[in-house]
Amino acid sequence: LVLTYLAVAAYYVALHVVASRFFDYHTLVP
């Protein structure tokens, strides 16, 4: 579970950085 959660967190941050950069989506936490 911890390993999966760390992988999820890495994808979460990466996807939000991409969304912020290219789609003007500036919310990591709603």
PDB file of all heavy atoms in Angstrom:
ATOM      1  N   LEU A   1       0.828  -1.201   0.000  1.00  0.00           N
ATOM      2  CA  LEU A   1       0.000   0.000   0.000  1.00  0.00           C
ATOM      3  C   LEU A   1       0.866   1.255   0.000  1.00  0.00           C
ATOM      4  O   LEU A   1       0.610   2.187  -0.756  1.00  0.00           O
ATOM      5  CB  LEU A   1      -0.934   0.024   1.211  1.00  0.00           C
ATOM      6  CG  LEU A   1      -1.720   1.320   1.396  1.00  0.00           C
ATOM      7  CD1 LEU A   1      -2.748   1.487   0.293  1.00  0.00           C
ATOM      8  CD2 LEU A   1      -2.366   1.367   2.760  1.00  0.00           C
ATOM      9  N   VAL A   2       1.896   1.269   0.806  1.00  0.00           N
ATOM     10  CA  VAL A   2       2.788   2.428   0.874  1.00  0.00           C
ATOM     11  C   VAL A   2       3.481   2.649  -0.466  1.00  0.00           C
ATOM     12  O   VAL A   2       3.552   3.775  -0.966  1.00  0.00           O
ATOM     13  CB  VAL A   2       3.817   2.270   2.022  1.00  0.00           C
ATOM     14  CG1 VAL A   2       4.885   3.343   1.963  1.00  0.00           C
ATOM     15  CG2 VAL A   2       3.113   2.299   3.370  1.00  0.00           C
ATOM     16  N   LEU A   3       3.973   1.581  -1.076  1.00  0.00           N
ATOM     17  CA  LEU A   3       4.606   1.709  -2.392  1.00  0.00           C
ATOM     18  C   LEU A   3       3.632   2.233  -3.439  1.00  0.00           C
ATOM     19  O   LEU A   3       3.962   3.116  -4.230  1.00  0.00           O
ATOM     20  CB  LEU A   3       5.161   0.355  -2.848  1.00  0.00           C
ATOM     21  CG  LEU A   3       6.444  -0.121  -2.182  1.00  0.00           C
ATOM     22  CD1 LEU A   3       6.770  -1.538  -2.633  1.00  0.00           C
ATOM     23  CD2 LEU A   3       7.580   0.817  -2.507  1.00  0.00           C
ATOM     24  N   THR A   4       2.429   1.692  -3.428  1.00  0.00           N
ATOM     25  CA  THR A   4       1.418   2.151  -4.380  1.00  0.00           C
ATOM     26  C   THR A   4       1.073   3.608  -4.132  1.00  0.00           C
ATOM     27  O   THR A   4       0.958   4.391  -5.072  1.00  0.00           O
ATOM     28  CB  THR A   4       0.148   1.281  -4.283  1.00  0.00           C
ATOM     29  OG1 THR A   4       0.506  -0.081  -4.508  1.00  0.00           O
ATOM     30  CG2 THR A   4      -0.896   1.701  -5.290  1.00  0.00           C
ATOM     31  N   TYR A   5       0.936   3.987  -2.876  1.00  0.00           N
ATOM     32  CA  TYR A   5       0.577   5.370  -2.555  1.00  0.00           C
ATOM     33  C   TYR A   5       1.681   6.333  -2.977  1.00  0.00           C
ATOM     34  O   TYR A   5       1.396   7.438  -3.457  1.00  0.00           O
ATOM     35  CB  TYR A   5       0.274   5.517  -1.064  1.00  0.00           C
ATOM     36  CG  TYR A   5      -0.656   6.669  -0.810  1.00  0.00           C
ATOM     37  CD1 TYR A   5      -2.025   6.489  -0.855  1.00  0.00           C
ATOM     38  CD2 TYR A   5      -0.172   7.944  -0.574  1.00  0.00           C
ATOM     39  CE1 TYR A   5      -2.891   7.542  -0.658  1.00  0.00           C
ATOM     40  CE2 TYR A   5      -1.028   9.008  -0.382  1.00  0.00           C
ATOM     41  CZ  TYR A   5      -2.386   8.796  -0.423  1.00  0.00           C
ATOM     42  OH  TYR A   5      -3.235   9.854  -0.246  1.00  0.00           O
ATOM     43  N   LEU A   6       2.929   5.934  -2.821  1.00  0.00           N
ATOM     44  CA  LEU A   6       4.042   6.783  -3.279  1.00  0.00           C
ATOM     45  C   LEU A   6       4.018   6.936  -4.801  1.00  0.00           C
ATOM     46  O   LEU A   6       4.252   8.029  -5.323  1.00  0.00           O
ATOM     47  CB  LEU A   6       5.378   6.209  -2.810  1.00  0.00           C
ATOM     48  CG  LEU A   6       5.641   6.315  -1.312  1.00  0.00           C
ATOM     49  CD1 LEU A   6       6.918   5.558  -0.953  1.00  0.00           C
ATOM     50  CD2 LEU A   6       5.725   7.761  -0.862  1.00  0.00           C
ATOM     51  N   ALA A   7       3.730   5.852  -5.507  1.00  0.00           N
ATOM     52  CA  ALA A   7       3.614   5.930  -6.970  1.00  0.00           C
ATOM     53  C   ALA A   7       2.446   6.826  -7.371  1.00  0.00           C
ATOM     54  O   ALA A   7       2.567   7.646  -8.287  1.00  0.00           O
ATOM     55  CB  ALA A   7       3.447   4.531  -7.561  1.00  0.00           C
ATOM     56  N   VAL A   8       1.324   6.688  -6.675  1.00  0.00           N
ATOM     57  CA  VAL A   8       0.161   7.532  -6.949  1.00  0.00           C
ATOM     58  C   VAL A   8       0.516   8.998  -6.723  1.00  0.00           C
ATOM     59  O   VAL A   8       0.175   9.863  -7.539  1.00  0.00           O
ATOM     60  CB  VAL A   8      -1.039   7.114  -6.066  1.00  0.00           C
ATOM     61  CG1 VAL A   8      -2.150   8.156  -6.110  1.00  0.00           C
ATOM     62  CG2 VAL A   8      -1.559   5.751  -6.489  1.00  0.00           C
ATOM     63  N   ALA A   9       1.202   9.293  -5.633  1.00  0.00           N
ATOM     64  CA  ALA A   9       1.587  10.675  -5.326  1.00  0.00           C
ATOM     65  C   ALA A   9       2.500  11.247  -6.411  1.00  0.00           C
ATOM     66  O   ALA A   9       2.353  12.414  -6.803  1.00  0.00           O
ATOM     67  CB  ALA A   9       2.267  10.744  -3.969  1.00  0.00           C
ATOM     68  N   ALA A  10       3.417  10.443  -6.906  1.00  0.00           N
ATOM     69  CA  ALA A  10       4.319  10.910  -7.967  1.00  0.00           C
ATOM     70  C   ALA A  10       3.530  11.231  -9.239  1.00  0.00           C
ATOM     71  O   ALA A  10       3.746  12.287  -9.858  1.00  0.00           O
ATOM     72  CB  ALA A  10       5.384   9.850  -8.251  1.00  0.00           C
ATOM     73  N   TYR A  11       2.626  10.345  -9.622  1.00  0.00           N
ATOM     74  CA  TYR A  11       1.789  10.611 -10.799  1.00  0.00           C
ATOM     75  C   TYR A  11       0.892  11.826 -10.567  1.00  0.00           C
ATOM     76  O   TYR A  11       0.678  12.628 -11.467  1.00  0.00           O
ATOM     77  CB  TYR A  11       0.927   9.396 -11.151  1.00  0.00           C
ATOM     78  CG  TYR A  11       1.669   8.336 -11.928  1.00  0.00           C
ATOM     79  CD1 TYR A  11       1.978   7.107 -11.350  1.00  0.00           C
ATOM     80  CD2 TYR A  11       2.053   8.560 -13.239  1.00  0.00           C
ATOM     81  CE1 TYR A  11       2.650   6.131 -12.066  1.00  0.00           C
ATOM     82  CE2 TYR A  11       2.732   7.596 -13.963  1.00  0.00           C
ATOM     83  CZ  TYR A  11       3.030   6.382 -13.372  1.00  0.00           C
ATOM     84  OH  TYR A  11       3.699   5.425 -14.083  1.00  0.00           O
ATOM     85  N   TYR A  12       0.354  11.951  -9.371  1.00  0.00           N
ATOM     86  CA  TYR A  12      -0.540  13.058  -9.038  1.00  0.00           C
ATOM     87  C   TYR A  12       0.157  14.398  -9.239  1.00  0.00           C
ATOM     88  O   TYR A  12      -0.363  15.285  -9.901  1.00  0.00           O
ATOM     89  CB  TYR A  12      -1.005  12.900  -7.583  1.00  0.00           C
ATOM     90  CG  TYR A  12      -1.968  13.953  -7.114  1.00  0.00           C
ATOM     91  CD1 TYR A  12      -3.316  13.857  -7.422  1.00  0.00           C
ATOM     92  CD2 TYR A  12      -1.547  15.026  -6.344  1.00  0.00           C
ATOM     93  CE1 TYR A  12      -4.222  14.816  -6.982  1.00  0.00           C
ATOM     94  CE2 TYR A  12      -2.440  15.989  -5.900  1.00  0.00           C
ATOM     95  CZ  TYR A  12      -3.771  15.872  -6.215  1.00  0.00           C
ATOM     96  OH  TYR A  12      -4.654  16.827  -5.787  1.00  0.00           O
ATOM     97  N   VAL A  13       1.338  14.516  -8.686  1.00  0.00           N
ATOM     98  CA  VAL A  13       2.084  15.776  -8.818  1.00  0.00           C
ATOM     99  C   VAL A  13       2.468  16.009 -10.277  1.00  0.00           C
ATOM    100  O   VAL A  13       2.306  17.116 -10.804  1.00  0.00           O
ATOM    101  CB  VAL A  13       3.320  15.774  -7.897  1.00  0.00           C
ATOM    102  CG1 VAL A  13       4.226  16.958  -8.186  1.00  0.00           C
ATOM    103  CG2 VAL A  13       2.890  15.793  -6.441  1.00  0.00           C
ATOM    104  N   ALA A  14       2.963  14.988 -10.954  1.00  0.00           N
ATOM    105  CA  ALA A  14       3.378  15.142 -12.352  1.00  0.00           C
ATOM    106  C   ALA A  14       2.207  15.556 -13.242  1.00  0.00           C
ATOM    107  O   ALA A  14       2.342  16.470 -14.067  1.00  0.00           O
ATOM    108  CB  ALA A  14       3.992  13.835 -12.857  1.00  0.00           C
ATOM    109  N   LEU A  15       1.071  14.909 -13.082  1.00  0.00           N
ATOM    110  CA  LEU A  15      -0.101  15.256 -13.901  1.00  0.00           C
ATOM    111  C   LEU A  15      -0.582  16.676 -13.615  1.00  0.00           C
ATOM    112  O   LEU A  15      -0.976  17.396 -14.527  1.00  0.00           O
ATOM    113  CB  LEU A  15      -1.231  14.264 -13.655  1.00  0.00           C
ATOM    114  CG  LEU A  15      -1.041  12.874 -14.263  1.00  0.00           C
ATOM    115  CD1 LEU A  15      -2.125  11.929 -13.773  1.00  0.00           C
ATOM    116  CD2 LEU A  15      -1.055  12.953 -15.777  1.00  0.00           C
ATOM    117  N   HIS A  16      -0.535  17.084 -12.360  1.00  0.00           N
ATOM    118  CA  HIS A  16      -0.973  18.434 -12.027  1.00  0.00           C
ATOM    119  C   HIS A  16       0.008  19.491 -12.527  1.00  0.00           C
ATOM    120  O   HIS A  16      -0.404  20.585 -12.909  1.00  0.00           O
ATOM    121  CB  HIS A  16      -1.222  18.560 -10.528  1.00  0.00           C
ATOM    122  CG  HIS A  16      -2.545  18.027 -10.115  1.00  0.00           C
ATOM    123  ND1 HIS A  16      -2.801  16.677 -10.046  1.00  0.00           N
ATOM    124  CD2 HIS A  16      -3.697  18.641  -9.788  1.00  0.00           C
ATOM    125  CE1 HIS A  16      -4.050  16.497  -9.671  1.00  0.00           C
ATOM    126  NE2 HIS A  16      -4.615  17.673  -9.510  1.00  0.00           N
ATOM    127  N   VAL A  17       1.285  19.179 -12.532  1.00  0.00           N
ATOM    128  CA  VAL A  17       2.263  20.121 -13.083  1.00  0.00           C
ATOM    129  C   VAL A  17       2.029  20.300 -14.578  1.00  0.00           C
ATOM    130  O   VAL A  17       2.038  21.420 -15.097  1.00  0.00           O
ATOM    131  CB  VAL A  17       3.711  19.641 -12.801  1.00  0.00           C
ATOM    132  CG1 VAL A  17       4.719  20.400 -13.625  1.00  0.00           C
ATOM    133  CG2 VAL A  17       4.021  19.783 -11.314  1.00  0.00           C
ATOM    134  N   VAL A  18       1.793  19.200 -15.293  1.00  0.00           N
ATOM    135  CA  VAL A  18       1.507  19.275 -16.735  1.00  0.00           C
ATOM    136  C   VAL A  18       0.217  20.056 -16.978  1.00  0.00           C
ATOM    137  O   VAL A  18       0.165  20.931 -17.847  1.00  0.00           O
ATOM    138  CB  VAL A  18       1.426  17.864 -17.353  1.00  0.00           C
ATOM    139  CG1 VAL A  18       0.879  17.913 -18.768  1.00  0.00           C
ATOM    140  CG2 VAL A  18       2.802  17.205 -17.330  1.00  0.00           C
ATOM    141  N   ALA A  19      -0.820  19.749 -16.201  1.00  0.00           N
ATOM    142  CA  ALA A  19      -2.096  20.458 -16.360  1.00  0.00           C
ATOM    143  C   ALA A  19      -1.930  21.947 -16.064  1.00  0.00           C
ATOM    144  O   ALA A  19      -2.517  22.788 -16.745  1.00  0.00           O
ATOM    145  CB  ALA A  19      -3.155  19.853 -15.454  1.00  0.00           C
ATOM    146  N   SER A  20      -1.127  22.261 -15.089  1.00  0.00           N
ATOM    147  CA  SER A  20      -0.889  23.660 -14.741  1.00  0.00           C
ATOM    148  C   SER A  20      -0.132  24.372 -15.855  1.00  0.00           C
ATOM    149  O   SER A  20      -0.449  25.506 -16.220  1.00  0.00           O
ATOM    150  CB  SER A  20      -0.089  23.740 -13.439  1.00  0.00           C
ATOM    151  OG  SER A  20       0.251  25.061 -13.146  1.00  0.00           O
ATOM    152  N   ARG A  21       0.839  23.712 -16.415  1.00  0.00           N
ATOM    153  CA  ARG A  21       1.688  24.322 -17.444  1.00  0.00           C
ATOM    154  C   ARG A  21       0.951  24.526 -18.764  1.00  0.00           C
ATOM    155  O   ARG A  21       1.031  25.577 -19.373  1.00  0.00           O
ATOM    156  CB  ARG A  21       2.924  23.444 -17.666  1.00  0.00           C
ATOM    157  CG  ARG A  21       3.824  23.879 -18.784  1.00  0.00           C
ATOM    158  CD  ARG A  21       4.557  25.171 -18.441  1.00  0.00           C
ATOM    159  NE  ARG A  21       5.477  25.516 -19.493  1.00  0.00           N
ATOM    160  CZ  ARG A  21       5.263  26.479 -20.375  1.00  0.00           C
ATOM    161  NH1 ARG A  21       4.184  27.203 -20.317  1.00  0.00           N
ATOM    162  NH2 ARG A  21       6.152  26.743 -21.299  1.00  0.00           N
ATOM    163  N   PHE A  22       0.228  23.507 -19.210  1.00  0.00           N
ATOM    164  CA  PHE A  22      -0.336  23.548 -20.551  1.00  0.00           C
ATOM    165  C   PHE A  22      -1.828  23.912 -20.617  1.00  0.00           C
ATOM    166  O   PHE A  22      -2.312  24.339 -21.653  1.00  0.00           O
ATOM    167  CB  PHE A  22      -0.116  22.214 -21.261  1.00  0.00           C
ATOM    168  CG  PHE A  22       1.328  21.925 -21.519  1.00  0.00           C
ATOM    169  CD1 PHE A  22       1.992  20.953 -20.792  1.00  0.00           C
ATOM    170  CD2 PHE A  22       2.024  22.647 -22.466  1.00  0.00           C
ATOM    171  CE1 PHE A  22       3.337  20.690 -21.029  1.00  0.00           C
ATOM    172  CE2 PHE A  22       3.370  22.394 -22.708  1.00  0.00           C
ATOM    173  CZ  PHE A  22       4.024  21.415 -21.986  1.00  0.00           C
ATOM    174  N   PHE A  23      -2.545  23.720 -19.533  1.00  0.00           N
ATOM    175  CA  PHE A  23      -3.990  23.924 -19.594  1.00  0.00           C
ATOM    176  C   PHE A  23      -4.501  24.980 -18.631  1.00  0.00           C
ATOM    177  O   PHE A  23      -5.693  25.086 -18.400  1.00  0.00           O
ATOM    178  CB  PHE A  23      -4.726  22.602 -19.340  1.00  0.00           C
ATOM    179  CG  PHE A  23      -4.337  21.533 -20.305  1.00  0.00           C
ATOM    180  CD1 PHE A  23      -3.562  20.465 -19.902  1.00  0.00           C
ATOM    181  CD2 PHE A  23      -4.736  21.609 -21.635  1.00  0.00           C
ATOM    182  CE1 PHE A  23      -3.196  19.475 -20.794  1.00  0.00           C
ATOM    183  CE2 PHE A  23      -4.376  20.620 -22.532  1.00  0.00           C
ATOM    184  CZ  PHE A  23      -3.597  19.550 -22.115  1.00  0.00           C
ATOM    185  N   ASP A  24      -3.607  25.730 -18.023  1.00  0.00           N
ATOM    186  CA  ASP A  24      -4.004  26.801 -17.117  1.00  0.00           C
ATOM    187  C   ASP A  24      -4.840  26.281 -15.949  1.00  0.00           C
ATOM    188  O   ASP A  24      -5.777  26.929 -15.496  1.00  0.00           O
ATOM    189  CB  ASP A  24      -4.797  27.869 -17.894  1.00  0.00           C
ATOM    190  CG  ASP A  24      -4.298  29.258 -17.565  1.00  0.00           C
ATOM    191  OD1 ASP A  24      -3.198  29.376 -16.989  1.00  0.00           O
ATOM    192  OD2 ASP A  24      -5.018  30.224 -17.881  1.00  0.00           O
ATOM    193  N   TYR A  25      -4.506  25.095 -15.480  1.00  0.00           N
ATOM    194  CA  TYR A  25      -5.192  24.473 -14.342  1.00  0.00           C
ATOM    195  C   TYR A  25      -4.275  24.603 -13.145  1.00  0.00           C
ATOM    196  O   TYR A  25      -3.285  23.894 -13.035  1.00  0.00           O
ATOM    197  CB  TYR A  25      -5.490  23.009 -14.660  1.00  0.00           C
ATOM    198  CG  TYR A  25      -6.163  22.265 -13.537  1.00  0.00           C
ATOM    199  CD1 TYR A  25      -7.519  22.446 -13.288  1.00  0.00           C
ATOM    200  CD2 TYR A  25      -5.458  21.394 -12.725  1.00  0.00           C
ATOM    201  CE1 TYR A  25      -8.149  21.767 -12.258  1.00  0.00           C
ATOM    202  CE2 TYR A  25      -6.069  20.715 -11.701  1.00  0.00           C
ATOM    203  CZ  TYR A  25      -7.408  20.906 -11.469  1.00  0.00           C
ATOM    204  OH  TYR A  25      -8.035  20.239 -10.455  1.00  0.00           O
ATOM    205  N   HIS A  26      -4.577  25.514 -12.236  1.00  0.00           N
ATOM    206  CA  HIS A  26      -3.658  25.832 -11.142  1.00  0.00           C
ATOM    207  C   HIS A  26      -4.175  25.377  -9.787  1.00  0.00           C
ATOM    208  O   HIS A  26      -4.149  26.117  -8.820  1.00  0.00           O
ATOM    209  CB  HIS A  26      -3.384  27.335 -11.124  1.00  0.00           C
ATOM    210  CG  HIS A  26      -2.762  27.827 -12.377  1.00  0.00           C
ATOM    211  ND1 HIS A  26      -1.498  27.487 -12.781  1.00  0.00           N
ATOM    212  CD2 HIS A  26      -3.251  28.614 -13.370  1.00  0.00           C
ATOM    213  CE1 HIS A  26      -1.219  28.045 -13.933  1.00  0.00           C
ATOM    214  NE2 HIS A  26      -2.265  28.736 -14.319  1.00  0.00           N
ATOM    215  N   THR A  27      -4.641  24.152  -9.716  1.00  0.00           N
ATOM    216  CA  THR A  27      -5.175  23.638  -8.465  1.00  0.00           C
ATOM    217  C   THR A  27      -4.594  22.251  -8.201  1.00  0.00           C
ATOM    218  O   THR A  27      -4.922  21.294  -8.884  1.00  0.00           O
ATOM    219  CB  THR A  27      -6.717  23.549  -8.530  1.00  0.00           C
ATOM    220  OG1 THR A  27      -7.215  24.827  -8.849  1.00  0.00           O
ATOM    221  CG2 THR A  27      -7.290  23.116  -7.222  1.00  0.00           C
ATOM    222  N   LEU A  28      -3.743  22.149  -7.197  1.00  0.00           N
ATOM    223  CA  LEU A  28      -3.232  20.847  -6.795  1.00  0.00           C
ATOM    224  C   LEU A  28      -4.226  20.221  -5.818  1.00  0.00           C
ATOM    225  O   LEU A  28      -4.530  19.043  -5.881  1.00  0.00           O
ATOM    226  CB  LEU A  28      -1.855  20.980  -6.144  1.00  0.00           C
ATOM    227  CG  LEU A  28      -1.100  19.702  -5.854  1.00  0.00           C
ATOM    228  CD1 LEU A  28      -0.890  18.892  -7.129  1.00  0.00           C
ATOM    229  CD2 LEU A  28       0.229  19.994  -5.208  1.00  0.00           C
ATOM    230  N   VAL A  29      -4.747  21.029  -4.925  1.00  0.00           N
ATOM    231  CA  VAL A  29      -5.805  20.629  -4.007  1.00  0.00           C
ATOM    232  C   VAL A  29      -6.979  21.546  -4.296  1.00  0.00           C
ATOM    233  O   VAL A  29      -6.798  22.767  -4.292  1.00  0.00           O
ATOM    234  CB  VAL A  29      -5.356  20.775  -2.532  1.00  0.00           C
ATOM    235  CG1 VAL A  29      -6.484  20.450  -1.591  1.00  0.00           C
ATOM    236  CG2 VAL A  29      -4.140  19.912  -2.240  1.00  0.00           C
ATOM    237  N   PRO A  30      -8.178  21.007  -4.590  1.00  0.00           N
ATOM    238  CA  PRO A  30      -9.310  21.891  -4.902  1.00  0.00           C
ATOM    239  C   PRO A  30      -9.506  22.933  -3.805  1.00  0.00           C
ATOM    240  O   PRO A  30      -9.498  22.633  -2.637  1.00  0.00           O
ATOM    241  CB  PRO A  30     -10.492  20.935  -4.968  1.00  0.00           C
ATOM    242  CG  PRO A  30      -9.881  19.644  -5.389  1.00  0.00           C
ATOM    243  CD  PRO A  30      -8.532  19.601  -4.705  1.00  0.00           C
TER     244      PRO A  30
END
